[in-house]
């Protein structure tokens, strides 16, 4: 689905990041990116823990037809 990145593409991305942020800001950008990934992983693990422990949470919501939805509104 996604093509793999080679050495050339990674070097190009690194060069663009250096041009955009400069060498002084690069450690801060990398640190904030790492913290964001860490928060995302923690958040998704909490959601999966809650979903696994709560049997009331269904896997997927049921799909109601339009007539069912209209009858519920009335």
N, C-alpha and C. Protein backbone atom coordinates (compact mmCIF):
# COMPACT_ATOMS: atom_id res chain seq x y z
N UNK A 1 0.83 -1.18 0.00
CA UNK A 1 0.00 0.00 0.00
C UNK A 1 0.88 1.25 0.00
N UNK A 2 1.79 1.34 0.96
CA UNK A 2 2.71 2.48 1.01
C UNK A 2 4.07 2.04 0.50
N UNK A 3 4.66 2.83 -0.36
CA UNK A 3 6.00 2.45 -0.83
C UNK A 3 7.02 2.64 0.28
N UNK A 4 8.04 1.84 0.25
CA UNK A 4 9.08 1.96 1.25
C UNK A 4 9.98 3.13 0.91
N UNK A 5 10.51 3.77 1.93
CA UNK A 5 11.41 4.90 1.73
C UNK A 5 12.85 4.39 1.69
N UNK A 6 13.57 4.82 0.69
CA UNK A 6 14.97 4.45 0.58
C UNK A 6 15.85 5.48 1.27
N UNK A 7 17.14 5.27 1.18
CA UNK A 7 18.11 6.17 1.80
C UNK A 7 18.01 7.57 1.19
N UNK A 8 17.86 7.64 -0.11
CA UNK A 8 17.76 8.94 -0.77
C UNK A 8 16.57 9.76 -0.32
N UNK A 9 15.43 9.10 -0.19
CA UNK A 9 14.22 9.81 0.25
C UNK A 9 14.35 10.27 1.69
N UNK A 10 14.94 9.43 2.54
CA UNK A 10 15.12 9.82 3.94
C UNK A 10 16.08 11.00 4.06
N UNK A 11 17.14 11.01 3.27
CA UNK A 11 18.07 12.14 3.28
C UNK A 11 17.40 13.41 2.80
N UNK A 12 16.54 13.30 1.79
CA UNK A 12 15.81 14.46 1.28
C UNK A 12 14.88 15.02 2.36
N UNK A 13 14.17 14.15 3.06
CA UNK A 13 13.27 14.60 4.13
C UNK A 13 14.07 15.27 5.24
N UNK A 14 15.20 14.68 5.61
CA UNK A 14 16.05 15.27 6.65
C UNK A 14 16.57 16.64 6.23
N UNK A 15 16.96 16.78 4.96
CA UNK A 15 17.43 18.08 4.47
C UNK A 15 16.32 19.12 4.51
N UNK A 16 15.11 18.73 4.14
CA UNK A 16 13.98 19.67 4.18
C UNK A 16 13.66 20.09 5.61
N UNK A 17 13.72 19.16 6.54
CA UNK A 17 13.46 19.48 7.94
C UNK A 17 14.54 20.44 8.46
N UNK A 18 15.79 20.20 8.09
CA UNK A 18 16.86 21.10 8.50
C UNK A 18 16.66 22.50 7.94
N UNK A 19 16.21 22.59 6.69
CA UNK A 19 15.96 23.90 6.09
C UNK A 19 14.79 24.62 6.76
N UNK A 20 13.75 23.87 7.10
CA UNK A 20 12.57 24.50 7.70
C UNK A 20 12.81 24.95 9.13
N UNK A 21 13.44 24.10 9.95
CA UNK A 21 13.55 24.40 11.37
C UNK A 21 14.94 24.86 11.79
N UNK A 22 15.95 24.55 11.03
CA UNK A 22 17.31 24.92 11.40
C UNK A 22 17.90 23.92 12.37
N UNK A 23 19.23 23.89 12.44
CA UNK A 23 19.88 22.90 13.30
C UNK A 23 19.66 23.16 14.79
N UNK A 24 19.40 24.40 15.20
CA UNK A 24 19.18 24.69 16.61
C UNK A 24 17.85 24.19 17.13
N UNK A 25 16.83 24.21 16.28
CA UNK A 25 15.49 23.81 16.70
C UNK A 25 15.23 22.32 16.48
N UNK A 26 16.09 21.66 15.73
CA UNK A 26 15.87 20.26 15.38
C UNK A 26 15.73 19.35 16.61
N UNK A 27 16.55 19.48 17.64
CA UNK A 27 16.35 18.62 18.84
C UNK A 27 15.00 18.86 19.52
N UNK A 28 14.55 20.11 19.55
CA UNK A 28 13.24 20.41 20.16
C UNK A 28 12.11 19.79 19.35
N UNK A 29 12.23 19.87 18.04
CA UNK A 29 11.19 19.29 17.17
C UNK A 29 11.14 17.78 17.35
N UNK A 30 12.31 17.14 17.39
CA UNK A 30 12.37 15.69 17.57
C UNK A 30 11.80 15.29 18.93
N UNK A 31 12.11 16.06 19.96
CA UNK A 31 11.61 15.75 21.29
C UNK A 31 10.09 15.89 21.36
N UNK A 32 9.55 16.95 20.80
CA UNK A 32 8.10 17.13 20.84
C UNK A 32 7.39 16.08 19.99
N UNK A 33 8.00 15.67 18.89
CA UNK A 33 7.43 14.61 18.07
C UNK A 33 7.42 13.29 18.84
N UNK A 34 8.51 13.00 19.55
CA UNK A 34 8.56 11.79 20.36
C UNK A 34 7.55 11.80 21.49
N UNK A 35 7.36 12.95 22.12
CA UNK A 35 6.36 13.06 23.19
C UNK A 35 4.95 12.87 22.64
N UNK A 36 4.69 13.40 21.45
CA UNK A 36 3.37 13.25 20.85
C UNK A 36 3.09 11.79 20.52
N UNK A 37 4.07 11.08 20.00
CA UNK A 37 3.90 9.66 19.70
C UNK A 37 3.67 8.88 20.99
N UNK A 38 4.40 9.23 22.05
CA UNK A 38 4.24 8.56 23.33
C UNK A 38 2.84 8.79 23.90
N UNK A 39 2.34 10.00 23.83
CA UNK A 39 0.98 10.29 24.31
C UNK A 39 -0.06 9.52 23.51
N UNK A 40 0.14 9.45 22.20
CA UNK A 40 -0.80 8.72 21.34
C UNK A 40 -0.82 7.24 21.71
N UNK A 41 0.36 6.65 21.91
CA UNK A 41 0.42 5.23 22.29
C UNK A 41 -0.25 5.00 23.65
N UNK A 42 0.00 5.89 24.60
CA UNK A 42 -0.63 5.74 25.92
C UNK A 42 -2.15 5.87 25.81
N UNK A 43 -2.62 6.81 25.01
CA UNK A 43 -4.06 6.99 24.85
C UNK A 43 -4.72 5.80 24.18
N UNK A 44 -4.09 5.25 23.16
CA UNK A 44 -4.69 4.10 22.50
C UNK A 44 -4.65 2.86 23.38
N UNK A 45 -3.61 2.72 24.19
CA UNK A 45 -3.57 1.55 25.08
C UNK A 45 -4.64 1.67 26.16
N UNK A 46 -4.91 2.88 26.64
CA UNK A 46 -5.98 3.08 27.62
C UNK A 46 -7.33 2.73 27.03
N UNK A 47 -7.56 3.13 25.78
CA UNK A 47 -8.83 2.83 25.13
C UNK A 47 -9.00 1.32 24.95
N UNK A 48 -7.95 0.64 24.52
CA UNK A 48 -8.06 -0.81 24.35
C UNK A 48 -8.22 -1.52 25.69
N UNK A 49 -7.61 -1.00 26.76
CA UNK A 49 -7.79 -1.60 28.09
C UNK A 49 -9.23 -1.45 28.55
N UNK A 50 -9.81 -0.27 28.36
CA UNK A 50 -11.20 -0.04 28.76
C UNK A 50 -12.14 -0.89 27.92
N UNK A 51 -11.85 -0.98 26.65
CA UNK A 51 -12.71 -1.76 25.76
C UNK A 51 -12.65 -3.24 26.10
N UNK A 52 -11.48 -3.72 26.49
CA UNK A 52 -11.34 -5.14 26.85
C UNK A 52 -12.00 -5.44 28.18
N UNK A 53 -12.01 -4.49 29.11
CA UNK A 53 -12.56 -4.75 30.44
C UNK A 53 -14.06 -4.49 30.53
N UNK A 54 -14.64 -3.77 29.58
CA UNK A 54 -16.06 -3.43 29.65
C UNK A 54 -16.83 -4.23 28.60
N UNK A 55 -17.63 -5.21 29.02
CA UNK A 55 -18.36 -6.03 28.05
C UNK A 55 -19.52 -5.28 27.38
N UNK A 56 -19.90 -4.12 27.92
CA UNK A 56 -21.00 -3.37 27.33
C UNK A 56 -20.62 -2.68 26.04
N UNK A 57 -19.33 -2.49 25.84
CA UNK A 57 -18.88 -1.81 24.62
C UNK A 57 -18.89 -2.82 23.49
N UNK A 58 -19.67 -2.54 22.47
CA UNK A 58 -19.76 -3.47 21.36
C UNK A 58 -18.62 -3.22 20.37
N UNK A 59 -18.36 -4.21 19.56
CA UNK A 59 -17.29 -4.10 18.57
C UNK A 59 -17.62 -3.05 17.51
N UNK A 60 -18.82 -3.07 17.02
CA UNK A 60 -19.22 -2.10 16.01
C UNK A 60 -20.68 -1.72 16.26
N UNK A 61 -21.00 -0.47 16.04
CA UNK A 61 -22.40 -0.08 16.22
C UNK A 61 -23.27 -0.73 15.15
N UNK A 62 -24.52 -1.02 15.53
CA UNK A 62 -25.42 -1.62 14.57
C UNK A 62 -25.87 -0.57 13.57
N UNK A 63 -26.05 -1.01 12.37
CA UNK A 63 -26.46 -0.09 11.31
C UNK A 63 -27.98 -0.12 11.21
N UNK A 64 -28.59 0.99 11.49
CA UNK A 64 -30.05 1.08 11.42
C UNK A 64 -30.43 1.62 10.05
N UNK A 65 -31.55 1.16 9.57
CA UNK A 65 -32.02 1.67 8.29
C UNK A 65 -32.65 3.04 8.49
N UNK A 66 -32.88 3.72 7.41
CA UNK A 66 -33.45 5.06 7.48
C UNK A 66 -34.85 5.02 8.08
N UNK A 67 -35.63 4.01 7.78
CA UNK A 67 -36.99 3.93 8.32
C UNK A 67 -36.96 3.68 9.82
N UNK A 68 -35.99 2.91 10.31
CA UNK A 68 -35.86 2.70 11.76
C UNK A 68 -35.52 4.01 12.45
N UNK A 69 -34.62 4.78 11.87
CA UNK A 69 -34.20 6.04 12.46
C UNK A 69 -35.37 7.03 12.49
N UNK A 70 -36.14 7.09 11.43
CA UNK A 70 -37.29 7.99 11.36
C UNK A 70 -38.34 7.58 12.37
N UNK A 71 -38.57 6.29 12.54
CA UNK A 71 -39.57 5.86 13.50
C UNK A 71 -39.13 6.14 14.94
N UNK A 72 -37.82 6.12 15.19
CA UNK A 72 -37.32 6.45 16.51
C UNK A 72 -37.49 7.94 16.81
N UNK A 73 -37.36 8.77 15.80
CA UNK A 73 -37.49 10.22 15.98
C UNK A 73 -38.93 10.57 16.28
N UNK A 74 -39.85 9.92 15.60
CA UNK A 74 -41.28 10.23 15.78
C UNK A 74 -41.70 9.72 17.10
